[in-house]
C-alpha atoms as a PDB file:
ATOM      1  CA  MET A   1     118.115 238.698  92.656  1.00  0.00           C
ATOM      2  CA  ALA A   2     121.245 240.639  91.723  1.00  0.00           C
ATOM      3  CA  ILE A   3     123.405 242.267  94.380  1.00  0.00           C
ATOM      4  CA  ASP A   4     122.237 245.750  93.315  1.00  0.00           C
ATOM      5  CA  ASP A   5     118.609 244.641  93.740  1.00  0.00           C
ATOM      6  CA  ALA A   6     119.392 243.392  97.244  1.00  0.00           C
ATOM      7  CA  LEU A   7     120.936 246.790  98.019  1.00  0.00           C
ATOM      8  CA  THR A   8     117.861 248.617  96.687  1.00  0.00           C
ATOM      9  CA  GLU A   9     115.618 246.409  98.827  1.00  0.00           C
ATOM     10  CA  LEU A  10     117.698 247.176 101.933  1.00  0.00           C
ATOM     11  CA  LYS A  11     117.682 250.903 101.143  1.00  0.00           C
ATOM     12  CA  ASP A  12     113.887 250.853 100.843  1.00  0.00           C
ATOM     13  CA  GLU A  13     113.573 249.042 104.182  1.00  0.00           C
ATOM     14  CA  PHE A  14     115.890 251.538 105.898  1.00  0.00           C
ATOM     15  CA  GLU A  15     114.030 254.519 104.441  1.00  0.00           C
ATOM     16  CA  LEU A  16     110.735 253.182 105.796  1.00  0.00           C
ATOM     17  CA  LEU A  17     112.217 253.129 109.285  1.00  0.00           C
ATOM     18  CA  GLY A  18     113.165 256.786 109.362  1.00  0.00           C
ATOM     19  CA  ASP A  19     115.494 257.596 112.251  1.00  0.00           C
ATOM     20  CA  TRP A  20     118.573 255.694 113.353  1.00  0.00           C
ATOM     21  CA  GLU A  21     117.065 254.543 116.618  1.00  0.00           C
ATOM     22  CA  GLU A  22     114.538 252.511 114.583  1.00  0.00           C
ATOM     23  CA  ARG A  23     117.241 251.363 112.176  1.00  0.00           C
ATOM     24  CA  TYR A  24     119.413 250.090 115.047  1.00  0.00           C
ATOM     25  CA  ARG A  25     116.435 248.126 116.366  1.00  0.00           C
ATOM     26  CA  TYR A  26     115.956 246.715 112.870  1.00  0.00           C
ATOM     27  CA  LEU A  27     119.648 245.740 112.686  1.00  0.00           C
ATOM     28  CA  ILE A  28     119.285 243.878 115.987  1.00  0.00           C
ATOM     29  CA  GLU A  29     116.199 242.075 114.635  1.00  0.00           C
ATOM     30  CA  LEU A  30     118.065 241.103 111.455  1.00  0.00           C
ATOM     31  CA  GLY A  31     120.859 239.702 113.603  1.00  0.00           C
ATOM     32  CA  LYS A  32     118.423 237.571 115.576  1.00  0.00           C
ATOM     33  CA  ASP A  33     117.495 235.794 112.335  1.00  0.00           C
ATOM     34  CA  LEU A  34     121.054 234.570 111.740  1.00  0.00           C
ATOM     35  CA  VAL A  35     121.573 230.876 112.293  1.00  0.00           C
ATOM     36  CA  PRO A  36     124.133 230.726 115.110  1.00  0.00           C
ATOM     37  CA  LEU A  37     127.438 229.042 114.407  1.00  0.00           C
ATOM     38  CA  THR A  38     128.356 226.001 116.428  1.00  0.00           C
ATOM     39  CA  ASP A  39     131.153 226.140 118.987  1.00  0.00           C
ATOM     40  CA  ALA A  40     133.226 224.024 116.583  1.00  0.00           C
ATOM     41  CA  GLU A  41     132.803 226.702 113.884  1.00  0.00           C
ATOM     42  CA  ARG A  42     133.933 229.521 116.170  1.00  0.00           C
ATOM     43  CA  THR A  43     137.589 228.898 115.424  1.00  0.00           C
ATOM     44  CA  GLU A  44     140.558 231.213 115.006  1.00  0.00           C
ATOM     45  CA  ALA A  45     140.583 230.338 111.290  1.00  0.00           C
ATOM     46  CA  ASN A  46     136.992 231.615 110.922  1.00  0.00           C
ATOM     47  CA  LYS A  47     137.545 234.711 113.053  1.00  0.00           C
ATOM     48  CA  VAL A  48     137.541 238.064 111.239  1.00  0.00           C
ATOM     49  CA  ARG A  49     140.533 240.196 112.187  1.00  0.00           C
ATOM     50  CA  GLY A  50     140.022 243.932 112.670  1.00  0.00           C
ATOM     51  CA  CYS A  51     136.685 243.747 114.462  1.00  0.00           C
ATOM     52  CA  ALA A  52     136.332 245.087 118.004  1.00  0.00           C
ATOM     53  CA  SER A  53     133.650 242.464 118.672  1.00  0.00           C
ATOM     54  CA  GLN A  54     134.206 238.803 118.056  1.00  0.00           C
ATOM     55  CA  VAL A  55     133.127 237.990 114.496  1.00  0.00           C
ATOM     56  CA  TRP A  56     133.301 234.667 112.714  1.00  0.00           C
ATOM     57  CA  LEU A  57     132.693 234.168 109.018  1.00  0.00           C
ATOM     58  CA  ILE A  58     132.458 230.905 107.091  1.00  0.00           C
ATOM     59  CA  THR A  59     132.756 230.781 103.318  1.00  0.00           C
ATOM     60  CA  GLN A  60     131.205 227.812 101.548  1.00  0.00           C
ATOM     61  CA  PRO A  61     131.858 227.416  97.809  1.00  0.00           C
ATOM     62  CA  GLN A  62     128.809 225.985  96.046  1.00  0.00           C
ATOM     63  CA  ALA A  63     128.657 223.548  93.124  1.00  0.00           C
ATOM     64  CA  ASP A  64     127.320 226.280  90.820  1.00  0.00           C
ATOM     65  CA  GLY A  65     130.395 228.457  91.456  1.00  0.00           C
ATOM     66  CA  THR A  66     128.713 230.870  93.847  1.00  0.00           C
ATOM     67  CA  LEU A  67     129.899 231.518  97.388  1.00  0.00           C
ATOM     68  CA  SER A  68     127.658 231.097 100.384  1.00  0.00           C
ATOM     69  CA  PHE A  69     128.518 232.819 103.641  1.00  0.00           C
ATOM     70  CA  ARG A  70     127.502 232.297 107.241  1.00  0.00           C
ATOM     71  CA  GLY A  71     128.522 234.433 110.154  1.00  0.00           C
ATOM     72  CA  ASP A  72     128.040 235.228 113.801  1.00  0.00           C
ATOM     73  CA  SER A  73     129.154 237.690 116.468  1.00  0.00           C
ATOM     74  CA  ASP A  74     128.982 238.171 120.198  1.00  0.00           C
ATOM     75  CA  ALA A  75     127.461 241.670 119.737  1.00  0.00           C
ATOM     76  CA  HIS A  76     123.813 242.307 118.750  1.00  0.00           C
ATOM     77  CA  ILE A  77     124.317 245.232 116.364  1.00  0.00           C
ATOM     78  CA  VAL A  78     127.296 243.517 114.762  1.00  0.00           C
ATOM     79  CA  ARG A  79     125.149 240.434 114.161  1.00  0.00           C
ATOM     80  CA  GLY A  80     122.766 242.766 112.305  1.00  0.00           C
ATOM     81  CA  LEU A  81     125.625 244.129 110.231  1.00  0.00           C
ATOM     82  CA  ILE A  82     126.639 240.555 109.415  1.00  0.00           C
ATOM     83  CA  ALA A  83     123.051 239.888 108.306  1.00  0.00           C
ATOM     84  CA  ILE A  84     123.252 242.847 105.912  1.00  0.00           C
ATOM     85  CA  VAL A  85     126.614 241.731 104.546  1.00  0.00           C
ATOM     86  CA  LEU A  86     125.320 238.186 104.040  1.00  0.00           C
ATOM     87  CA  ARG A  87     122.192 239.462 102.325  1.00  0.00           C
ATOM     88  CA  LEU A  88     124.320 241.423  99.894  1.00  0.00           C
ATOM     89  CA  TYR A  89     127.060 238.860  99.231  1.00  0.00           C
ATOM     90  CA  SER A  90     125.881 235.328  99.954  1.00  0.00           C
ATOM     91  CA  GLY A  91     124.873 233.213  96.970  1.00  0.00           C
ATOM     92  CA  ARG A  92     126.795 235.345  94.466  1.00  0.00           C
ATOM     93  CA  PRO A  93     129.554 234.417  92.029  1.00  0.00           C
ATOM     94  CA  PRO A  94     133.035 235.723  92.862  1.00  0.00           C
ATOM     95  CA  ALA A  95     133.028 238.170  89.920  1.00  0.00           C
ATOM     96  CA  GLU A  96     129.834 239.846  91.175  1.00  0.00           C
ATOM     97  CA  ILE A  97     131.240 240.060  94.713  1.00  0.00           C
ATOM     98  CA  LEU A  98     134.458 241.645  93.465  1.00  0.00           C
ATOM     99  CA  ALA A  99     132.649 244.136  91.213  1.00  0.00           C
ATOM    100  CA  PHE A 100     130.415 245.421  94.032  1.00  0.00           C
ATOM    101  CA  ASP A 101     131.392 248.697  95.724  1.00  0.00           C
ATOM    102  CA  ALA A 102     130.623 247.998  99.374  1.00  0.00           C
ATOM    103  CA  LYS A 103     131.782 251.412 100.571  1.00  0.00           C
ATOM    104  CA  ALA A 104     129.313 253.171  98.248  1.00  0.00           C
ATOM    105  CA  ALA A 105     126.579 250.725  99.284  1.00  0.00           C
ATOM    106  CA  PHE A 106     127.097 251.406 102.986  1.00  0.00           C
ATOM    107  CA  GLU A 107     127.015 255.137 102.278  1.00  0.00           C
ATOM    108  CA  GLN A 108     123.698 254.690 100.444  1.00  0.00           C
ATOM    109  CA  LEU A 109     122.322 252.824 103.456  1.00  0.00           C
ATOM    110  CA  GLY A 110     123.547 255.595 105.746  1.00  0.00           C
ATOM    111  CA  LEU A 111     125.741 253.193 107.697  1.00  0.00           C
ATOM    112  CA  SER A 112     128.937 255.148 107.089  1.00  0.00           C
ATOM    113  CA  GLY A 113     127.759 258.115 109.138  1.00  0.00           C
ATOM    114  CA  ALA A 114     125.759 256.177 111.720  1.00  0.00           C
ATOM    115  CA  LEU A 115     128.323 253.644 112.897  1.00  0.00           C
ATOM    116  CA  SER A 116     131.172 254.202 115.311  1.00  0.00           C
ATOM    117  CA  VAL A 117     134.676 254.091 113.878  1.00  0.00           C
ATOM    118  CA  GLN A 118     135.219 250.665 115.459  1.00  0.00           C
ATOM    119  CA  ARG A 119     132.047 249.221 113.903  1.00  0.00           C
ATOM    120  CA  SER A 120     132.862 250.792 110.530  1.00  0.00           C
ATOM    121  CA  ASN A 121     136.328 249.240 110.657  1.00  0.00           C
ATOM    122  CA  GLY A 122     134.815 245.893 111.584  1.00  0.00           C
ATOM    123  CA  LEU A 123     132.364 246.119 108.698  1.00  0.00           C
ATOM    124  CA  ALA A 124     135.249 246.893 106.336  1.00  0.00           C
ATOM    125  CA  SER A 125     137.149 243.896 107.742  1.00  0.00           C
ATOM    126  CA  MET A 126     134.179 241.597 107.054  1.00  0.00           C
ATOM    127  CA  VAL A 127     133.909 242.843 103.476  1.00  0.00           C
ATOM    128  CA  GLY A 128     137.670 242.520 103.064  1.00  0.00           C
ATOM    129  CA  ARG A 129     137.517 238.891 104.161  1.00  0.00           C
ATOM    130  CA  ILE A 130     134.647 238.160 101.756  1.00  0.00           C
ATOM    131  CA  ARG A 131     136.538 239.852  98.910  1.00  0.00           C
ATOM    132  CA  ARG A 132     139.711 237.848  99.657  1.00  0.00           C
ATOM    133  CA  ASP A 133     137.709 234.612  99.659  1.00  0.00           C
ATOM    134  CA  ALA A 134     136.069 235.647  96.360  1.00  0.00           C
ATOM    135  CA  GLU A 135     139.492 236.434  94.852  1.00  0.00           C
ATOM    136  CA  MET A 136     140.773 232.999  95.885  1.00  0.00           C
ATOM    137  CA  ALA A 137     137.666 231.319  94.465  1.00  0.00           C
ATOM    138  CA  ALA A 138     137.969 233.270  91.202  1.00  0.00           C
ATOM    139  CA  VAL A 139     141.455 231.889  90.533  1.00  0.00           C
ATOM    140  CA  ALA A 140     140.710 228.364  91.708  1.00  0.00           C
END
């Protein structure tokens, strides 16, 4: 599934939910499905800077050239946001990651207007970290 298809799927799911109270509950449910990181993985090196909550992100280059991501947070809604980011980006080649307009995607999902400034900044920090890792992988 291409990244744009994953976005369309998420948009359809969000539209089925209707109001933001339901969507927040859905975000929390998505976050519950994340595989928690181990204490050993919750390092300063894996921590995402710019997030009000604690967020850790692990990038794992795959043999086929794609990048796989895993992440975790100490906040329920943020874990849901991580789940969305991972659904969009994980398992993709660096070129596809770099070509994707995350800001436009989050606007399509309605996240831009529904999140606090702190959460929006944290989401942008997560995407920034993924993009930096994709840039490094693209030149490697």
